[in-house]
Amino acid sequence: YHTEIKRFRGDKRLESVLLRNSETGKDQEFKTGGVFIFIGLDPNTQ
């Protein structure tokens, strides 16, 4: 919880994600095989 994504790191492929705790302000390097982002979908109908 209270976690924000600050940066994706990697050259040819994703290696880690820089996370920040919005309550403490502390950053954390998070190693992961992959990231899936689900924050909404916008139709291209403007």
ModelCIF file with pLDDT and N, C-alpha, C, O atoms, coordinates in Angstrom:
data_MODEL
#
_entry.id   MODEL 
#
_entity.id                         1 
_entity.type                       polymer 
_entity.pdbx_number_of_molecules   1 
#
_entity_poly.entity_id                      1 
_entity_poly.type                           'polypeptide(L)' 
_entity_poly.nstd_linkage                   no 
_entity_poly.nstd_monomer                   no 
_entity_poly.pdbx_seq_one_letter_code       YHTEIKRFRGDKRLESVLLRNSETGKDQEFKTGGVFIFIGLDPNTQ 
_entity_poly.pdbx_seq_one_letter_code_can   YHTEIKRFRGDKRLESVLLRNSETGKDQEFKTGGVFIFIGLDPNTQ 
_entity_poly.pdbx_strand_id                 A 
#
loop_
_entity_poly_seq.entity_id 
_entity_poly_seq.num 
_entity_poly_seq.mon_id 
_entity_poly_seq.hetero 
1 1  TYR n 
1 2  HIS n 
1 3  THR n 
1 4  GLU n 
1 5  ILE n 
1 6  LYS n 
1 7  ARG n 
1 8  PHE n 
1 9  ARG n 
1 10 GLY n 
1 11 ASP n 
1 12 LYS n 
1 13 ARG n 
1 14 LEU n 
1 15 GLU n 
1 16 SER n 
1 17 VAL n 
1 18 LEU n 
1 19 LEU n 
1 20 ARG n 
1 21 ASN n 
1 22 SER n 
1 23 GLU n 
1 24 THR n 
1 25 GLY n 
1 26 LYS n 
1 27 ASP n 
1 28 GLN n 
1 29 GLU n 
1 30 PHE n 
1 31 LYS n 
1 32 THR n 
1 33 GLY n 
1 34 GLY n 
1 35 VAL n 
1 36 PHE n 
1 37 ILE n 
1 38 PHE n 
1 39 ILE n 
1 40 GLY n 
1 41 LEU n 
1 42 ASP n 
1 43 PRO n 
1 44 ASN n 
1 45 THR n 
1 46 GLN n 
#
_struct_asym.id          A 
_struct_asym.entity_id   1 
#
loop_
_ma_qa_metric.id 
_ma_qa_metric.mode 
_ma_qa_metric.name 
_ma_qa_metric.software_group_id 
_ma_qa_metric.type 
1 global pLDDT . pLDDT 
2 local  pLDDT . pLDDT 
#
_ma_qa_metric_global.metric_id      1 
_ma_qa_metric_global.metric_value   95.61 
_ma_qa_metric_global.model_id       1 
_ma_qa_metric_global.ordinal_id     1 
#
loop_
_ma_qa_metric_local.label_asym_id 
_ma_qa_metric_local.label_comp_id 
_ma_qa_metric_local.label_seq_id 
_ma_qa_metric_local.metric_id 
_ma_qa_metric_local.metric_value 
_ma_qa_metric_local.model_id 
_ma_qa_metric_local.ordinal_id 
A TYR 1  2 97.00 1 1  
A HIS 2  2 97.00 1 2  
A THR 3  2 97.00 1 3  
A GLU 4  2 97.00 1 4  
A ILE 5  2 97.00 1 5  
A LYS 6  2 97.00 1 6  
A ARG 7  2 97.00 1 7  
A PHE 8  2 98.00 1 8  
A ARG 9  2 97.00 1 9  
A GLY 10 2 96.00 1 10 
A ASP 11 2 91.00 1 11 
A LYS 12 2 90.00 1 12 
A ARG 13 2 95.00 1 13 
A LEU 14 2 97.00 1 14 
A GLU 15 2 96.00 1 15 
A SER 16 2 97.00 1 16 
A VAL 17 2 98.00 1 17 
A LEU 18 2 98.00 1 18 
A LEU 19 2 98.00 1 19 
A ARG 20 2 97.00 1 20 
A ASN 21 2 96.00 1 21 
A SER 22 2 96.00 1 22 
A GLU 23 2 95.00 1 23 
A THR 24 2 95.00 1 24 
A GLY 25 2 96.00 1 25 
A LYS 26 2 96.00 1 26 
A ASP 27 2 96.00 1 27 
A GLN 28 2 95.00 1 28 
A GLU 29 2 97.00 1 29 
A PHE 30 2 97.00 1 30 
A LYS 31 2 96.00 1 31 
A THR 32 2 96.00 1 32 
A GLY 33 2 95.00 1 33 
A GLY 34 2 97.00 1 34 
A VAL 35 2 98.00 1 35 
A PHE 36 2 97.00 1 36 
A ILE 37 2 96.00 1 37 
A PHE 38 2 94.00 1 38 
A ILE 39 2 94.00 1 39 
A GLY 40 2 88.00 1 40 
A LEU 41 2 86.00 1 41 
A ASP 42 2 91.00 1 42 
A PRO 43 2 95.00 1 43 
A ASN 44 2 96.00 1 44 
A THR 45 2 97.00 1 45 
A GLN 46 2 96.00 1 46 
#
loop_
_atom_site.group_PDB 
_atom_site.id 
_atom_site.type_symbol 
_atom_site.label_atom_id 
_atom_site.label_alt_id 
_atom_site.label_comp_id 
_atom_site.label_asym_id 
_atom_site.label_entity_id 
_atom_site.label_seq_id 
_atom_site.pdbx_PDB_ins_code 
_atom_site.Cartn_x 
_atom_site.Cartn_y 
_atom_site.Cartn_z 
_atom_site.occupancy 
_atom_site.B_iso_or_equiv 
_atom_site.pdbx_formal_charge 
_atom_site.auth_seq_id 
_atom_site.auth_comp_id 
_atom_site.auth_asym_id 
_atom_site.auth_atom_id 
_atom_site.pdbx_PDB_model_num 
ATOM 1   N N  . TYR A 1 1  ? 0.831   -1.199  0.000   1.00 97.00 ? 1  TYR A N  1 
ATOM 2   C CA . TYR A 1 1  ? 0.000   0.000   0.000   1.00 97.00 ? 1  TYR A CA 1 
ATOM 3   C C  . TYR A 1 1  ? 0.875   1.263   0.000   1.00 97.00 ? 1  TYR A C  1 
ATOM 4   O O  . TYR A 1 1  ? 2.073   1.203   0.274   1.00 97.00 ? 1  TYR A O  1 
ATOM 5   N N  . HIS A 1 2  ? 0.256   2.391   -0.309  1.00 97.00 ? 2  HIS A N  1 
ATOM 6   C CA . HIS A 1 2  ? 0.935   3.696   -0.336  1.00 97.00 ? 2  HIS A CA 1 
ATOM 7   C C  . HIS A 1 2  ? 2.206   3.623   -1.182  1.00 97.00 ? 2  HIS A C  1 
ATOM 8   O O  . HIS A 1 2  ? 3.238   4.195   -0.830  1.00 97.00 ? 2  HIS A O  1 
ATOM 9   N N  . THR A 1 3  ? 2.109   2.915   -2.290  1.00 97.00 ? 3  THR A N  1 
ATOM 10  C CA . THR A 1 3  ? 3.293   2.674   -3.122  1.00 97.00 ? 3  THR A CA 1 
ATOM 11  C C  . THR A 1 3  ? 3.138   3.297   -4.504  1.00 97.00 ? 3  THR A C  1 
ATOM 12  O O  . THR A 1 3  ? 2.138   3.080   -5.188  1.00 97.00 ? 3  THR A O  1 
ATOM 13  N N  . GLU A 1 4  ? 4.136   4.069   -4.904  1.00 97.00 ? 4  GLU A N  1 
ATOM 14  C CA . GLU A 1 4  ? 4.143   4.701   -6.211  1.00 97.00 ? 4  GLU A CA 1 
ATOM 15  C C  . GLU A 1 4  ? 5.344   4.228   -7.024  1.00 97.00 ? 4  GLU A C  1 
ATOM 16  O O  . GLU A 1 4  ? 6.399   3.913   -6.474  1.00 97.00 ? 4  GLU A O  1 
ATOM 17  N N  . ILE A 1 5  ? 5.166   4.186   -8.331  1.00 97.00 ? 5  ILE A N  1 
ATOM 18  C CA . ILE A 1 5  ? 6.250   3.793   -9.223  1.00 97.00 ? 5  ILE A CA 1 
ATOM 19  C C  . ILE A 1 5  ? 7.003   5.057   -9.626  1.00 97.00 ? 5  ILE A C  1 
ATOM 20  O O  . ILE A 1 5  ? 6.402   6.013   -10.117 1.00 97.00 ? 5  ILE A O  1 
ATOM 21  N N  . LYS A 1 6  ? 8.313   5.059   -9.420  1.00 97.00 ? 6  LYS A N  1 
ATOM 22  C CA . LYS A 1 6  ? 9.118   6.238   -9.760  1.00 97.00 ? 6  LYS A CA 1 
ATOM 23  C C  . LYS A 1 6  ? 9.945   6.037   -11.035 1.00 97.00 ? 6  LYS A C  1 
ATOM 24  O O  . LYS A 1 6  ? 10.221  6.996   -11.756 1.00 97.00 ? 6  LYS A O  1 
ATOM 25  N N  . ARG A 1 7  ? 10.340  4.790   -11.311 1.00 97.00 ? 7  ARG A N  1 
ATOM 26  C CA . ARG A 1 7  ? 11.194  4.548   -12.473 1.00 97.00 ? 7  ARG A CA 1 
ATOM 27  C C  . ARG A 1 7  ? 11.253  3.056   -12.795 1.00 97.00 ? 7  ARG A C  1 
ATOM 28  O O  . ARG A 1 7  ? 11.238  2.209   -11.902 1.00 97.00 ? 7  ARG A O  1 
ATOM 29  N N  . PHE A 1 8  ? 11.320  2.757   -14.095 1.00 98.00 ? 8  PHE A N  1 
ATOM 30  C CA . PHE A 1 8  ? 11.594  1.388   -14.548 1.00 98.00 ? 8  PHE A CA 1 
ATOM 31  C C  . PHE A 1 8  ? 13.045  1.341   -14.996 1.00 98.00 ? 8  PHE A C  1 
ATOM 32  O O  . PHE A 1 8  ? 13.518  2.220   -15.717 1.00 98.00 ? 8  PHE A O  1 
ATOM 33  N N  . ARG A 1 9  ? 13.738  0.307   -14.561 1.00 97.00 ? 9  ARG A N  1 
ATOM 34  C CA . ARG A 1 9  ? 15.159  0.209   -14.889 1.00 97.00 ? 9  ARG A CA 1 
ATOM 35  C C  . ARG A 1 9  ? 15.448  -1.052  -15.697 1.00 97.00 ? 9  ARG A C  1 
ATOM 36  O O  . ARG A 1 9  ? 14.873  -2.118  -15.475 1.00 97.00 ? 9  ARG A O  1 
ATOM 37  N N  . GLY A 1 10 ? 16.347  -0.882  -16.624 1.00 96.00 ? 10 GLY A N  1 
ATOM 38  C CA . GLY A 1 10 ? 16.724  -1.992  -17.485 1.00 96.00 ? 10 GLY A CA 1 
ATOM 39  C C  . GLY A 1 10 ? 17.188  -1.470  -18.827 1.00 96.00 ? 10 GLY A C  1 
ATOM 40  O O  . GLY A 1 10 ? 16.807  -0.376  -19.241 1.00 96.00 ? 10 GLY A O  1 
ATOM 41  N N  . ASP A 1 11 ? 18.012  -2.253  -19.508 1.00 91.00 ? 11 ASP A N  1 
ATOM 42  C CA . ASP A 1 11 ? 18.520  -1.848  -20.816 1.00 91.00 ? 11 ASP A CA 1 
ATOM 43  C C  . ASP A 1 11 ? 17.644  -2.449  -21.912 1.00 91.00 ? 11 ASP A C  1 
ATOM 44  O O  . ASP A 1 11 ? 16.737  -1.792  -22.424 1.00 91.00 ? 11 ASP A O  1 
ATOM 45  N N  . LYS A 1 12 ? 17.920  -3.690  -22.263 1.00 90.00 ? 12 LYS A N  1 
ATOM 46  C CA . LYS A 1 12 ? 17.115  -4.354  -23.289 1.00 90.00 ? 12 LYS A CA 1 
ATOM 47  C C  . LYS A 1 12 ? 15.830  -4.940  -22.715 1.00 90.00 ? 12 LYS A C  1 
ATOM 48  O O  . LYS A 1 12 ? 14.843  -5.109  -23.430 1.00 90.00 ? 12 LYS A O  1 
ATOM 49  N N  . ARG A 1 13 ? 15.847  -5.249  -21.417 1.00 95.00 ? 13 ARG A N  1 
ATOM 50  C CA . ARG A 1 13 ? 14.654  -5.776  -20.749 1.00 95.00 ? 13 ARG A CA 1 
ATOM 51  C C  . ARG A 1 13 ? 14.566  -5.177  -19.350 1.00 95.00 ? 13 ARG A C  1 
ATOM 52  O O  . ARG A 1 13 ? 15.550  -4.681  -18.802 1.00 95.00 ? 13 ARG A O  1 
ATOM 53  N N  . LEU A 1 14 ? 13.356  -5.237  -18.785 1.00 97.00 ? 14 LEU A N  1 
ATOM 54  C CA . LEU A 1 14 ? 13.141  -4.742  -17.432 1.00 97.00 ? 14 LEU A CA 1 
ATOM 55  C C  . LEU A 1 14 ? 13.963  -5.551  -16.430 1.00 97.00 ? 14 LEU A C  1 
ATOM 56  O O  . LEU A 1 14 ? 13.973  -6.781  -16.469 1.00 97.00 ? 14 LEU A O  1 
ATOM 57  N N  . GLU A 1 15 ? 14.650  -4.845  -15.534 1.00 96.00 ? 15 GLU A N  1 
ATOM 58  C CA . GLU A 1 15 ? 15.446  -5.509  -14.505 1.00 96.00 ? 15 GLU A CA 1 
ATOM 59  C C  . GLU A 1 15 ? 14.889  -5.242  -13.113 1.00 96.00 ? 15 GLU A C  1 
ATOM 60  O O  . GLU A 1 15 ? 14.867  -6.135  -12.266 1.00 96.00 ? 15 GLU A O  1 
ATOM 61  N N  . SER A 1 16 ? 14.437  -4.005  -12.877 1.00 97.00 ? 16 SER A N  1 
ATOM 62  C CA . SER A 1 16 ? 13.909  -3.670  -11.555 1.00 97.00 ? 16 SER A CA 1 
ATOM 63  C C  . SER A 1 16 ? 13.028  -2.431  -11.651 1.00 97.00 ? 16 SER A C  1 
ATOM 64  O O  . SER A 1 16 ? 12.985  -1.747  -12.673 1.00 97.00 ? 16 SER A O  1 
ATOM 65  N N  . VAL A 1 17 ? 12.326  -2.167  -10.550 1.00 98.00 ? 17 VAL A N  1 
ATOM 66  C CA . VAL A 1 17 ? 11.438  -1.014  -10.476 1.00 98.00 ? 17 VAL A CA 1 
ATOM 67  C C  . VAL A 1 17 ? 11.777  -0.231  -9.214  1.00 98.00 ? 17 VAL A C  1 
ATOM 68  O O  . VAL A 1 17 ? 11.958  -0.807  -8.141  1.00 98.00 ? 17 VAL A O  1 
ATOM 69  N N  . LEU A 1 18 ? 11.861  1.099   -9.356  1.00 98.00 ? 18 LEU A N  1 
ATOM 70  C CA . LEU A 1 18 ? 12.096  1.938   -8.196  1.00 98.00 ? 18 LEU A CA 1 
ATOM 71  C C  . LEU A 1 18 ? 10.737  2.331   -7.622  1.00 98.00 ? 18 LEU A C  1 
ATOM 72  O O  . LEU A 1 18 ? 9.940   2.989   -8.290  1.00 98.00 ? 18 LEU A O  1 
ATOM 73  N N  . LEU A 1 19 ? 10.479  1.922   -6.372  1.00 98.00 ? 19 LEU A N  1 
ATOM 74  C CA . LEU A 1 19 ? 9.220   2.205   -5.694  1.00 98.00 ? 19 LEU A CA 1 
ATOM 75  C C  . LEU A 1 19 ? 9.434   3.235   -4.595  1.00 98.00 ? 19 LEU A C  1 
ATOM 76  O O  . LEU A 1 19 ? 10.512  3.323   -4.007  1.00 98.00 ? 19 LEU A O  1 
ATOM 77  N N  . ARG A 1 20 ? 8.385   4.014   -4.327  1.00 97.00 ? 20 ARG A N  1 
ATOM 78  C CA . ARG A 1 20 ? 8.458   4.969   -3.227  1.00 97.00 ? 20 ARG A CA 1 
ATOM 79  C C  . ARG A 1 20 ? 7.227   4.836   -2.347  1.00 97.00 ? 20 ARG A C  1 
ATOM 80  O O  . ARG A 1 20 ? 6.098   4.800   -2.835  1.00 97.00 ? 20 ARG A O  1 
ATOM 81  N N  . ASN A 1 21 ? 7.463   4.763   -1.037  1.00 96.00 ? 21 ASN A N  1 
ATOM 82  C CA . ASN A 1 21 ? 6.367   4.739   -0.080  1.00 96.00 ? 21 ASN A CA 1 
ATOM 83  C C  . ASN A 1 21 ? 5.946   6.180   0.189   1.00 96.00 ? 21 ASN A C  1 
ATOM 84  O O  . ASN A 1 21 ? 6.727   6.979   0.706   1.00 96.00 ? 21 ASN A O  1 
ATOM 85  N N  . SER A 1 22 ? 4.695   6.503   -0.170  1.00 96.00 ? 22 SER A N  1 
ATOM 86  C CA . SER A 1 22 ? 4.234   7.889   -0.071  1.00 96.00 ? 22 SER A CA 1 
ATOM 87  C C  . SER A 1 22 ? 4.076   8.352   1.379   1.00 96.00 ? 22 SER A C  1 
ATOM 88  O O  . SER A 1 22 ? 4.013   9.556   1.629   1.00 96.00 ? 22 SER A O  1 
ATOM 89  N N  . GLU A 1 23 ? 4.012   7.422   2.339   1.00 95.00 ? 23 GLU A N  1 
ATOM 90  C CA . GLU A 1 23 ? 3.902   7.797   3.747   1.00 95.00 ? 23 GLU A CA 1 
ATOM 91  C C  . GLU A 1 23 ? 5.263   8.102   4.352   1.00 95.00 ? 23 GLU A C  1 
ATOM 92  O O  . GLU A 1 23 ? 5.426   9.082   5.079   1.00 95.00 ? 23 GLU A O  1 
ATOM 93  N N  . THR A 1 24 ? 6.233   7.258   4.048   1.00 95.00 ? 24 THR A N  1 
ATOM 94  C CA . THR A 1 24 ? 7.566   7.435   4.643   1.00 95.00 ? 24 THR A CA 1 
ATOM 95  C C  . THR A 1 24 ? 8.518   8.210   3.743   1.00 95.00 ? 24 THR A C  1 
ATOM 96  O O  . THR A 1 24 ? 9.518   8.756   4.209   1.00 95.00 ? 24 THR A O  1 
ATOM 97  N N  . GLY A 1 25 ? 8.202   8.256   2.446   1.00 96.00 ? 25 GLY A N  1 
ATOM 98  C CA . GLY A 1 25 ? 9.086   8.926   1.491   1.00 96.00 ? 25 GLY A CA 1 
ATOM 99  C C  . GLY A 1 25 ? 10.306  8.107   1.119   1.00 96.00 ? 25 GLY A C  1 
ATOM 100 O O  . GLY A 1 25 ? 11.176  8.586   0.391   1.00 96.00 ? 25 GLY A O  1 
ATOM 101 N N  . LYS A 1 26 ? 10.382  6.873   1.611   1.00 96.00 ? 26 LYS A N  1 
ATOM 102 C CA . LYS A 1 26 ? 11.543  6.025   1.333   1.00 96.00 ? 26 LYS A CA 1 
ATOM 103 C C  . LYS A 1 26 ? 11.393  5.313   -0.008  1.00 96.00 ? 26 LYS A C  1 
ATOM 104 O O  . LYS A 1 26 ? 10.297  4.902   -0.390  1.00 96.00 ? 26 LYS A O  1 
ATOM 105 N N  . ASP A 1 27 ? 12.526  5.174   -0.722  1.00 96.00 ? 27 ASP A N  1 
ATOM 106 C CA . ASP A 1 27 ? 12.567  4.469   -1.995  1.00 96.00 ? 27 ASP A CA 1 
ATOM 107 C C  . ASP A 1 27 ? 13.050  3.040   -1.800  1.00 96.00 ? 27 ASP A C  1 
ATOM 108 O O  . ASP A 1 27 ? 13.795  2.734   -0.869  1.00 96.00 ? 27 ASP A O  1 
ATOM 109 N N  . GLN A 1 28 ? 12.604  2.174   -2.705  1.00 95.00 ? 28 GLN A N  1 
ATOM 110 C CA . GLN A 1 28 ? 12.970  0.757   -2.632  1.00 95.00 ? 28 GLN A CA 1 
ATOM 111 C C  . GLN A 1 28 ? 13.193  0.226   -4.036  1.00 95.00 ? 28 GLN A C  1 
ATOM 112 O O  . GLN A 1 28 ? 12.377  0.460   -4.927  1.00 95.00 ? 28 GLN A O  1 
ATOM 113 N N  . GLU A 1 29 ? 14.282  -0.480  -4.238  1.00 97.00 ? 29 GLU A N  1 
ATOM 114 C CA . GLU A 1 29 ? 14.551  -1.144  -5.520  1.00 97.00 ? 29 GLU A CA 1 
ATOM 115 C C  . GLU A 1 29 ? 13.864  -2.505  -5.485  1.00 97.00 ? 29 GLU A C  1 
ATOM 116 O O  . GLU A 1 29 ? 14.165  -3.336  -4.628  1.00 97.00 ? 29 GLU A O  1 
ATOM 117 N N  . PHE A 1 30 ? 12.948  -2.728  -6.411  1.00 97.00 ? 30 PHE A N  1 
ATOM 118 C CA . PHE A 1 30 ? 12.140  -3.949  -6.402  1.00 97.00 ? 30 PHE A CA 1 
ATOM 119 C C  . PHE A 1 30 ? 12.477  -4.782  -7.635  1.00 97.00 ? 30 PHE A C  1 
ATOM 120 O O  . PHE A 1 30 ? 12.228  -4.363  -8.766  1.00 97.00 ? 30 PHE A O  1 
ATOM 121 N N  . LYS A 1 31 ? 13.043  -5.958  -7.408  1.00 96.00 ? 31 LYS A N  1 
ATOM 122 C CA . LYS A 1 31 ? 13.381  -6.873  -8.502  1.00 96.00 ? 31 LYS A CA 1 
ATOM 123 C C  . LYS A 1 31 ? 12.133  -7.656  -8.900  1.00 96.00 ? 31 LYS A C  1 
ATOM 124 O O  . LYS A 1 31 ? 11.424  -8.179  -8.041  1.00 96.00 ? 31 LYS A O  1 
ATOM 125 N N  . THR A 1 32 ? 11.872  -7.735  -10.176 1.00 96.00 ? 32 THR A N  1 
ATOM 126 C CA . THR A 1 32 ? 10.685  -8.455  -10.645 1.00 96.00 ? 32 THR A CA 1 
ATOM 127 C C  . THR A 1 32 ? 10.887  -8.975  -12.064 1.00 96.00 ? 32 THR A C  1 
ATOM 128 O O  . THR A 1 32 ? 11.652  -8.408  -12.844 1.00 96.00 ? 32 THR A O  1 
ATOM 129 N N  . GLY A 1 33 ? 10.201  -10.043 -12.378 1.00 95.00 ? 33 GLY A N  1 
ATOM 130 C CA . GLY A 1 33 ? 10.297  -10.608 -13.726 1.00 95.00 ? 33 GLY A CA 1 
ATOM 131 C C  . GLY A 1 33 ? 9.546   -9.783  -14.744 1.00 95.00 ? 33 GLY A C  1 
ATOM 132 O O  . GLY A 1 33 ? 9.922   -9.747  -15.916 1.00 95.00 ? 33 GLY A O  1 
ATOM 133 N N  . GLY A 1 34 ? 8.481   -9.114  -14.309 1.00 97.00 ? 34 GLY A N  1 
ATOM 134 C CA . GLY A 1 34 ? 7.675   -8.317  -15.228 1.00 97.00 ? 34 GLY A CA 1 
ATOM 135 C C  . GLY A 1 34 ? 6.680   -7.466  -14.466 1.00 97.00 ? 34 GLY A C  1 
ATOM 136 O O  . GLY A 1 34 ? 6.339   -7.763  -13.320 1.00 97.00 ? 34 GLY A O  1 
ATOM 137 N N  . VAL A 1 35 ? 6.211   -6.394  -15.117 1.00 98.00 ? 35 VAL A N  1 
ATOM 138 C CA . VAL A 1 35 ? 5.241   -5.481  -14.507 1.00 98.00 ? 35 VAL A CA 1 
ATOM 139 C C  . VAL A 1 35 ? 4.012   -5.393  -15.402 1.00 98.00 ? 35 VAL A C  1 
ATOM 140 O O  . VAL A 1 35 ? 4.125   -5.243  -16.618 1.00 98.00 ? 35 VAL A O  1 
ATOM 141 N N  . PHE A 1 36 ? 2.845   -5.487  -14.789 1.00 97.00 ? 36 PHE A N  1 
ATOM 142 C CA . PHE A 1 36 ? 1.577   -5.343  -15.507 1.00 97.00 ? 36 PHE A CA 1 
ATOM 143 C C  . PHE A 1 36 ? 0.835   -4.142  -14.928 1.00 97.00 ? 36 PHE A C  1 
ATOM 144 O O  . PHE A 1 36 ? 0.544   -4.100  -13.733 1.00 97.00 ? 36 PHE A O  1 
ATOM 145 N N  . ILE A 1 37 ? 0.532   -3.166  -15.786 1.00 96.00 ? 37 ILE A N  1 
ATOM 146 C CA . ILE A 1 37 ? -0.061  -1.907  -15.349 1.00 96.00 ? 37 ILE A CA 1 
ATOM 147 C C  . ILE A 1 37 ? -1.547  -1.885  -15.693 1.00 96.00 ? 37 ILE A C  1 
ATOM 148 O O  . ILE A 1 37 ? -1.926  -2.037  -16.854 1.00 96.00 ? 37 ILE A O  1 
ATOM 149 N N  . PHE A 1 38 ? -2.383  -1.696  -14.677 1.00 94.00 ? 38 PHE A N  1 
ATOM 150 C CA . PHE A 1 38 ? -3.837  -1.648  -14.871 1.00 94.00 ? 38 PHE A CA 1 
ATOM 151 C C  . PHE A 1 38 ? -4.416  -0.446  -14.128 1.00 94.00 ? 38 PHE A C  1 
ATOM 152 O O  . PHE A 1 38 ? -4.967  -0.571  -13.035 1.00 94.00 ? 38 PHE A O  1 
ATOM 153 N N  . ILE A 1 39 ? -4.273  0.718   -14.754 1.00 94.00 ? 39 ILE A N  1 
ATOM 154 C CA . ILE A 1 39 ? -4.780  1.948   -14.128 1.00 94.00 ? 39 ILE A CA 1 
ATOM 155 C C  . ILE A 1 39 ? -5.850  2.606   -14.992 1.00 94.00 ? 39 ILE A C  1 
ATOM 156 O O  . ILE A 1 39 ? -6.188  3.773   -14.797 1.00 94.00 ? 39 ILE A O  1 
ATOM 157 N N  . GLY A 1 40 ? -6.375  1.850   -15.942 1.00 88.00 ? 40 GLY A N  1 
ATOM 158 C CA . GLY A 1 40 ? -7.473  2.372   -16.745 1.00 88.00 ? 40 GLY A CA 1 
ATOM 159 C C  . GLY A 1 40 ? -7.205  2.293   -18.238 1.00 88.00 ? 40 GLY A C  1 
ATOM 160 O O  . GLY A 1 40 ? -6.087  2.029   -18.681 1.00 88.00 ? 40 GLY A O  1 
ATOM 161 N N  . LEU A 1 41 ? -8.263  2.529   -18.995 1.00 86.00 ? 41 LEU A N  1 
ATOM 162 C CA . LEU A 1 41 ? -8.221  2.428   -20.448 1.00 86.00 ? 41 LEU A CA 1 
ATOM 163 C C  . LEU A 1 41 ? -8.998  3.598   -21.035 1.00 86.00 ? 41 LEU A C  1 
ATOM 164 O O  . LEU A 1 41 ? -10.124 3.869   -20.619 1.00 86.00 ? 41 LEU A O  1 
ATOM 165 N N  . ASP A 1 42 ? -8.406  4.284   -21.991 1.00 91.00 ? 42 ASP A N  1 
ATOM 166 C CA . ASP A 1 42 ? -9.064  5.431   -22.612 1.00 91.00 ? 42 ASP A CA 1 
ATOM 167 C C  . ASP A 1 42 ? -9.307  5.153   -24.094 1.00 91.00 ? 42 ASP A C  1 
ATOM 168 O O  . ASP A 1 42 ? -8.362  4.865   -24.828 1.00 91.00 ? 42 ASP A O  1 
ATOM 169 N N  . PRO A 1 43 ? -10.576 5.235   -24.550 1.00 95.00 ? 43 PRO A N  1 
ATOM 170 C CA . PRO A 1 43 ? -10.848 5.040   -25.972 1.00 95.00 ? 43 PRO A CA 1 
ATOM 171 C C  . PRO A 1 43 ? -10.316 6.219   -26.781 1.00 95.00 ? 43 PRO A C  1 
ATOM 172 O O  . PRO A 1 43 ? -10.332 7.356   -26.311 1.00 95.00 ? 43 PRO A O  1 
ATOM 173 N N  . ASN A 1 44 ? -9.854  5.950   -27.978 1.00 96.00 ? 44 ASN A N  1 
ATOM 174 C CA . ASN A 1 44 ? -9.320  7.004   -28.838 1.00 96.00 ? 44 ASN A CA 1 
ATOM 175 C C  . ASN A 1 44 ? -10.463 7.645   -29.625 1.00 96.00 ? 44 ASN A C  1 
ATOM 176 O O  . ASN A 1 44 ? -10.593 7.459   -30.835 1.00 96.00 ? 44 ASN A O  1 
ATOM 177 N N  . THR A 1 45 ? -11.280 8.398   -28.904 1.00 97.00 ? 45 THR A N  1 
ATOM 178 C CA . THR A 1 45 ? -12.491 8.976   -29.505 1.00 97.00 ? 45 THR A CA 1 
ATOM 179 C C  . THR A 1 45 ? -12.600 10.485  -29.314 1.00 97.00 ? 45 THR A C  1 
ATOM 180 O O  . THR A 1 45 ? -13.677 11.052  -29.501 1.00 97.00 ? 45 THR A O  1 
ATOM 181 N N  . GLN A 1 46 ? -11.508 11.141  -28.947 1.00 96.00 ? 46 GLN A N  1 
ATOM 182 C CA . GLN A 1 46 ? -11.581 12.584  -28.737 1.00 96.00 ? 46 GLN A CA 1 
ATOM 183 C C  . GLN A 1 46 ? -12.083 13.295  -29.997 1.00 96.00 ? 46 GLN A C  1 
ATOM 184 O O  . GLN A 1 46 ? -12.209 14.520  -30.006 1.00 96.00 ? 46 GLN A O  1 
#
